[in-house]
Protein backbone atom coordinates (compact mmCIF):
# COMPACT_ATOMS: atom_id res chain seq x y z
CA MET A 1 97.78 -81.00 100.56
CA GLN A 2 94.78 -81.99 98.47
CA MET A 3 94.41 -85.25 100.42
CA VAL A 4 94.60 -83.34 103.71
CA LEU A 5 91.87 -80.96 102.60
CA ILE A 6 89.64 -83.83 101.44
CA THR A 7 90.24 -85.60 104.75
CA ALA A 8 89.45 -82.45 106.71
CA LEU A 9 86.17 -82.06 104.85
CA GLY A 10 85.41 -85.74 105.40
CA VAL A 11 86.05 -85.56 109.15
CA GLY A 12 83.94 -82.43 109.51
CA GLY A 13 81.33 -83.74 107.09
CA ALA A 14 80.82 -86.86 109.22
CA THR A 15 79.12 -84.66 111.82
CA MET A 16 76.75 -83.45 109.11
CA ILE A 17 75.98 -87.03 108.09
CA GLY A 18 75.16 -87.80 111.70
CA SER A 19 72.93 -84.73 111.96
CA LEU A 20 71.00 -85.75 108.84
CA LEU A 21 70.42 -89.15 110.40
CA GLY A 22 69.32 -87.34 113.55
CA PHE A 23 66.73 -85.37 111.57
CA CYS A 24 65.43 -88.61 110.02
CA PHE A 25 65.34 -90.52 113.31
CA LYS A 26 64.67 -87.93 115.98
CA LYS A 27 64.20 -90.53 118.73
CA ILE A 28 67.19 -92.85 118.64
CA SER A 29 67.27 -95.57 121.30
CA HIS A 30 70.00 -95.40 123.91
CA LYS A 31 71.09 -98.95 123.11
CA PHE A 32 71.59 -98.24 119.41
CA SER A 33 73.43 -95.00 120.18
CA ASP A 34 75.63 -96.73 122.76
CA VAL A 35 76.57 -99.58 120.42
CA VAL A 36 77.47 -97.21 117.56
CA LEU A 37 79.41 -94.86 119.85
CA SER A 38 81.28 -97.81 121.41
CA PHE A 39 82.25 -99.10 117.98
CA ALA A 40 83.62 -95.63 117.19
CA ALA A 41 85.48 -95.66 120.52
CA GLY A 42 87.16 -98.94 119.58
CA VAL A 43 88.17 -97.52 116.21
CA MET A 44 89.51 -94.36 117.84
CA LEU A 45 91.43 -96.37 120.44
CA ALA A 46 93.21 -98.37 117.77
CA ALA A 47 93.83 -95.23 115.71
CA ALA A 48 95.28 -93.41 118.72
CA VAL A 49 97.68 -96.25 119.56
CA LEU A 50 98.65 -97.38 116.05
CA GLY A 51 98.54 -94.06 114.24
CA LEU A 52 99.74 -91.59 116.88
CA ILE A 53 101.37 -93.06 119.99
CA LEU A 54 103.52 -95.77 118.38
CA PRO A 55 104.77 -93.39 115.63
CA SER A 56 105.57 -90.85 118.37
CA LEU A 57 107.86 -93.43 120.00
CA GLU A 58 109.47 -94.14 116.63
CA TYR A 59 110.09 -90.51 115.67
CA GLY A 60 111.17 -89.47 119.17
CA GLY A 61 114.49 -91.27 118.85
CA LYS A 62 116.56 -91.69 122.01
CA TYR A 63 114.09 -89.82 124.21
CA GLY A 64 110.99 -91.10 122.42
CA ILE A 65 109.44 -92.77 125.47
CA ILE A 66 109.81 -89.63 127.60
CA ILE A 67 108.45 -87.32 124.88
CA THR A 68 105.54 -89.67 124.22
CA ILE A 69 104.51 -89.98 127.87
CA ILE A 70 104.75 -86.23 128.40
CA GLY A 71 102.73 -85.63 125.23
CA ILE A 72 99.99 -88.08 126.25
CA PHE A 73 99.51 -86.44 129.64
CA ALA A 74 99.71 -82.96 128.12
CA GLY A 75 96.94 -83.83 125.67
CA ALA A 76 94.77 -85.28 128.43
CA ALA A 77 95.41 -82.26 130.67
CA CYS A 78 94.43 -79.92 127.84
CA LEU A 79 91.03 -81.58 127.43
CA ASN A 80 90.60 -81.79 131.20
CA LEU A 81 91.04 -78.03 131.32
CA MET A 82 88.47 -77.65 128.54
CA ASP A 83 86.04 -79.79 130.53
CA LYS A 84 86.36 -77.44 133.49
CA VAL A 85 85.42 -74.50 131.26
CA VAL A 86 82.74 -76.17 129.13
CA PRO A 87 81.40 -79.62 130.13
CA HIS A 88 80.85 -82.15 127.36
CA LEU A 89 78.59 -85.10 126.46
CA HIS A 90 77.77 -87.03 129.67
CA LYS A 91 78.12 -83.89 131.77
CA MET A 92 75.33 -82.34 129.70
CA ALA A 93 73.09 -85.39 129.99
CA GLY A 94 70.79 -83.43 132.28
CA VAL A 95 69.26 -81.56 129.34
CA ASP A 96 65.51 -82.07 129.54
CA SER A 97 64.40 -82.90 126.01
CA GLU A 98 60.75 -82.26 126.88
CA SER A 99 61.19 -78.73 128.17
CA HIS A 100 60.84 -75.68 125.96
CA ASN A 101 61.94 -72.88 128.27
CA ASN A 102 64.84 -70.50 127.69
CA ALA A 103 66.97 -72.12 130.39
CA ASN A 104 66.82 -75.45 128.60
CA ILE A 105 67.61 -73.84 125.25
CA ASN A 106 70.68 -72.27 126.85
CA LYS A 107 71.71 -75.70 128.13
CA VAL A 108 71.38 -77.18 124.67
CA PHE A 109 73.45 -74.43 123.09
CA LEU A 110 76.10 -74.95 125.78
CA PHE A 111 76.06 -78.64 124.83
CA VAL A 112 76.64 -77.76 121.16
CA LEU A 113 79.36 -75.25 122.10
CA ALA A 114 81.10 -77.95 124.14
CA ILE A 115 81.07 -80.33 121.17
CA ALA A 116 82.45 -77.59 118.91
CA ILE A 117 85.29 -76.82 121.34
CA HIS A 118 86.19 -80.49 121.73
CA ASN A 119 86.14 -80.95 117.96
CA LEU A 120 89.19 -78.69 117.62
CA PRO A 121 91.73 -81.06 119.23
CA GLU A 122 90.08 -84.00 117.48
CA GLY A 123 90.61 -82.23 114.16
CA ILE A 124 94.20 -81.42 115.13
CA ALA A 125 94.76 -85.14 115.79
CA ALA A 126 93.55 -85.94 112.26
CA GLY A 127 95.86 -83.32 110.75
CA VAL A 128 98.92 -84.27 112.81
CA GLY A 129 98.60 -87.83 111.51
CA PHE A 130 99.69 -86.65 108.06
CA GLY A 131 102.96 -85.33 109.52
CA THR A 132 104.50 -88.80 109.51
CA GLY A 133 104.08 -89.09 105.76
CA ASP A 134 102.25 -92.40 106.24
CA THR A 135 98.92 -91.66 104.62
CA SER A 136 97.45 -95.06 105.55
CA LYS A 137 97.97 -94.31 109.26
CA ALA A 138 96.62 -90.79 108.75
CA PHE A 139 93.48 -92.19 107.14
CA LEU A 140 93.05 -94.64 110.03
CA ILE A 141 93.11 -91.76 112.51
CA ALA A 142 90.78 -89.60 110.44
CA GLY A 143 88.44 -92.55 109.88
CA GLY A 144 88.22 -93.23 113.60
CA ILE A 145 87.42 -89.61 114.39
CA ALA A 146 84.89 -89.41 111.56
CA LEU A 147 83.10 -92.52 112.85
CA GLN A 148 82.87 -90.93 116.29
CA ASN A 149 81.45 -87.75 114.77
CA ILE A 150 78.48 -89.55 113.21
CA PRO A 151 76.74 -90.59 116.46
CA GLU A 152 77.79 -87.29 118.01
CA GLY A 153 76.02 -85.44 115.21
CA MET A 154 72.98 -87.65 115.70
CA VAL A 155 72.59 -86.90 119.41
CA ILE A 156 72.70 -83.13 118.91
CA ILE A 157 69.50 -82.98 116.89
CA GLY A 158 66.88 -84.40 119.26
CA PRO A 159 67.57 -82.13 122.26
CA MET A 160 67.76 -79.00 120.10
CA LEU A 161 64.49 -79.65 118.29
CA SER A 162 62.76 -80.66 121.53
CA ALA A 163 63.96 -77.46 123.19
CA GLY A 164 62.21 -75.42 120.51
CA VAL A 165 65.19 -74.55 118.31
CA SER A 166 64.19 -74.33 114.64
CA ALA A 167 65.41 -76.99 112.21
CA LYS A 168 67.35 -74.38 110.22
CA ARG A 169 69.13 -73.03 113.28
CA THR A 170 69.87 -76.55 114.48
CA PHE A 171 71.44 -77.43 111.13
CA LEU A 172 73.59 -74.27 111.21
CA CYS A 173 74.81 -75.10 114.70
CA VAL A 174 75.84 -78.58 113.63
CA LEU A 175 77.49 -77.14 110.53
CA GLY A 176 79.53 -74.88 112.80
CA THR A 177 80.81 -77.83 114.84
CA GLY A 178 81.88 -79.55 111.61
CA ILE A 179 83.72 -76.45 110.38
CA ILE A 180 85.64 -76.29 113.67
CA GLU A 181 86.89 -79.81 113.02
CA VAL A 182 87.97 -78.90 109.48
CA ILE A 183 89.94 -75.94 110.86
CA GLY A 184 91.54 -78.18 113.50
CA THR A 185 92.65 -80.70 110.89
CA LEU A 186 94.33 -78.01 108.80
CA LEU A 187 95.98 -76.47 111.89
CA GLY A 188 97.42 -79.83 112.92
CA TYR A 189 98.78 -80.50 109.45
CA PHE A 190 100.40 -77.08 109.03
CA ALA A 191 101.86 -77.13 112.55
CA VAL A 192 103.88 -80.32 111.98
CA SER A 193 104.70 -79.31 108.40
CA VAL A 194 106.25 -76.00 109.47
CA ALA A 195 108.08 -77.41 112.50
CA SER A 196 108.76 -81.11 112.00
CA ILE A 197 110.85 -81.14 115.18
CA ILE A 198 107.65 -81.05 117.22
CA LEU A 199 106.23 -84.09 115.42
CA PRO A 200 106.88 -86.69 118.18
CA PHE A 201 105.29 -84.49 120.84
CA ALA A 202 102.43 -83.46 118.55
CA LEU A 203 101.65 -87.10 117.77
CA SER A 204 101.57 -88.17 121.41
CA PHE A 205 99.65 -85.02 122.40
CA ALA A 206 97.00 -85.85 119.81
CA GLY A 207 96.98 -89.46 121.01
CA GLY A 208 96.49 -88.26 124.59
CA THR A 209 93.49 -86.15 123.62
CA MET A 210 91.90 -89.13 121.89
CA LEU A 211 92.53 -91.44 124.85
CA TYR A 212 90.99 -88.84 127.16
CA VAL A 213 87.86 -88.52 125.01
CA ILE A 214 87.48 -92.32 124.82
CA SER A 215 87.85 -92.88 128.57
CA ASP A 216 86.25 -89.79 130.04
CA GLU A 217 83.37 -89.38 127.64
CA MET A 218 82.67 -92.17 125.16
CA ILE A 219 82.98 -95.22 127.42
CA LEU A 220 81.26 -93.47 130.31
CA GLU A 221 78.38 -92.40 128.07
CA THR A 222 77.91 -95.84 126.52
CA HIS A 223 77.84 -97.57 129.93
CA ALA A 224 75.22 -95.30 131.46
CA HIS A 225 72.02 -96.79 130.02
CA GLY A 226 72.20 -100.52 130.79
CA SER A 227 73.84 -101.60 127.51
CA GLU A 228 77.37 -101.94 128.82
CA ARG A 229 77.84 -105.56 127.67
CA ALA A 230 76.82 -104.80 124.08
CA ALA A 231 78.87 -101.60 124.21
CA THR A 232 81.97 -103.48 125.36
CA TYR A 233 81.80 -106.03 122.55
CA SER A 234 81.09 -103.27 120.05
CA LEU A 235 84.25 -101.48 121.19
CA LEU A 236 86.27 -104.68 120.79
CA ILE A 237 84.89 -105.20 117.29
CA GLY A 238 85.80 -101.65 116.29
CA PHE A 239 89.30 -102.07 117.71
CA CYS A 240 89.89 -105.40 115.93
CA ILE A 241 88.61 -104.09 112.60
CA MET A 242 91.17 -101.30 112.81
CA LEU A 243 93.91 -103.82 113.64
CA VAL A 244 93.03 -105.87 110.56
CA THR A 245 92.84 -102.71 108.43
CA ASP A 246 96.26 -101.58 109.67
CA VAL A 247 97.80 -104.96 108.82
CA LEU A 248 96.24 -104.98 105.35
CA LEU A 249 97.37 -101.41 104.63
CA GLY A 250 100.79 -101.88 106.21
C-alpha cells in the first residue's frame, strides 16, 4: 500500500513538475512540446500494451481475448463520452493566449477542467496496474502516465497567465488536476484489490483509455504544428526505451 501511495503522489506530482517548468519557461516552442509529448506517447503506448493489455489476456483465462477486447472498447467509449461533455487538449487549441477577456478566461478554465476530468481514468490505469502484483509492470504504467503529465502541466501555464489568471490561482488549478490523478490511482488500486475477479476487465479497460488518449489527443496534438517527423521518431524512441526497460526488469 505504501508503494501505491508513493506512486500515486508521483503520478500526480508530475503535473506539478510540469507546471513549475511552465512558470520558468512561459513560452515553450511547439516543436519542443511536440517532441516531449510524443516521447511520452511512446512510453504510454508500451505501458498500455505491456503492462495492461497483455496481462489482461493472461489473467482472463479461457475468455481472456473476449474480455480484453470488450474492456479496450469500453475504456475508449468512456473517454469518448467524456470528450462529448468536456473537450480536451487539441479541441481546446482555440484558446487565444493574447486575449484577456472573461470569455477567454472561461475557455482556459474549461481547458483545465477537461484535463482534470481526463486525469481520473489515467490515475485509475496507474492504480489498476498494481492489481497484478507485478510491481515492475505497475511502475512502467505509472512512469508512462507521469511522463505524459509533465508536458501537460507545462502547457496549462501559458494560456492561464496570458488570460489574466493570477500565478497563485493558476498554481492551485494545476494542483487540483494533480490531486484528481492521485485519487484515481487509489481508486483503481482499491477496486481491483476488493474484487480481483474484475482484474482482467479492469486492466483492458485502463489500457483502452490510454490507447484512446494516445490516438485521439497526443498524436493528433503533436502532428498539428509541422513537427510530425520529429514527433514520430520521438514516439518510437519512447516506445523502445520502455521495451528495453521491460526486458531488463522482467
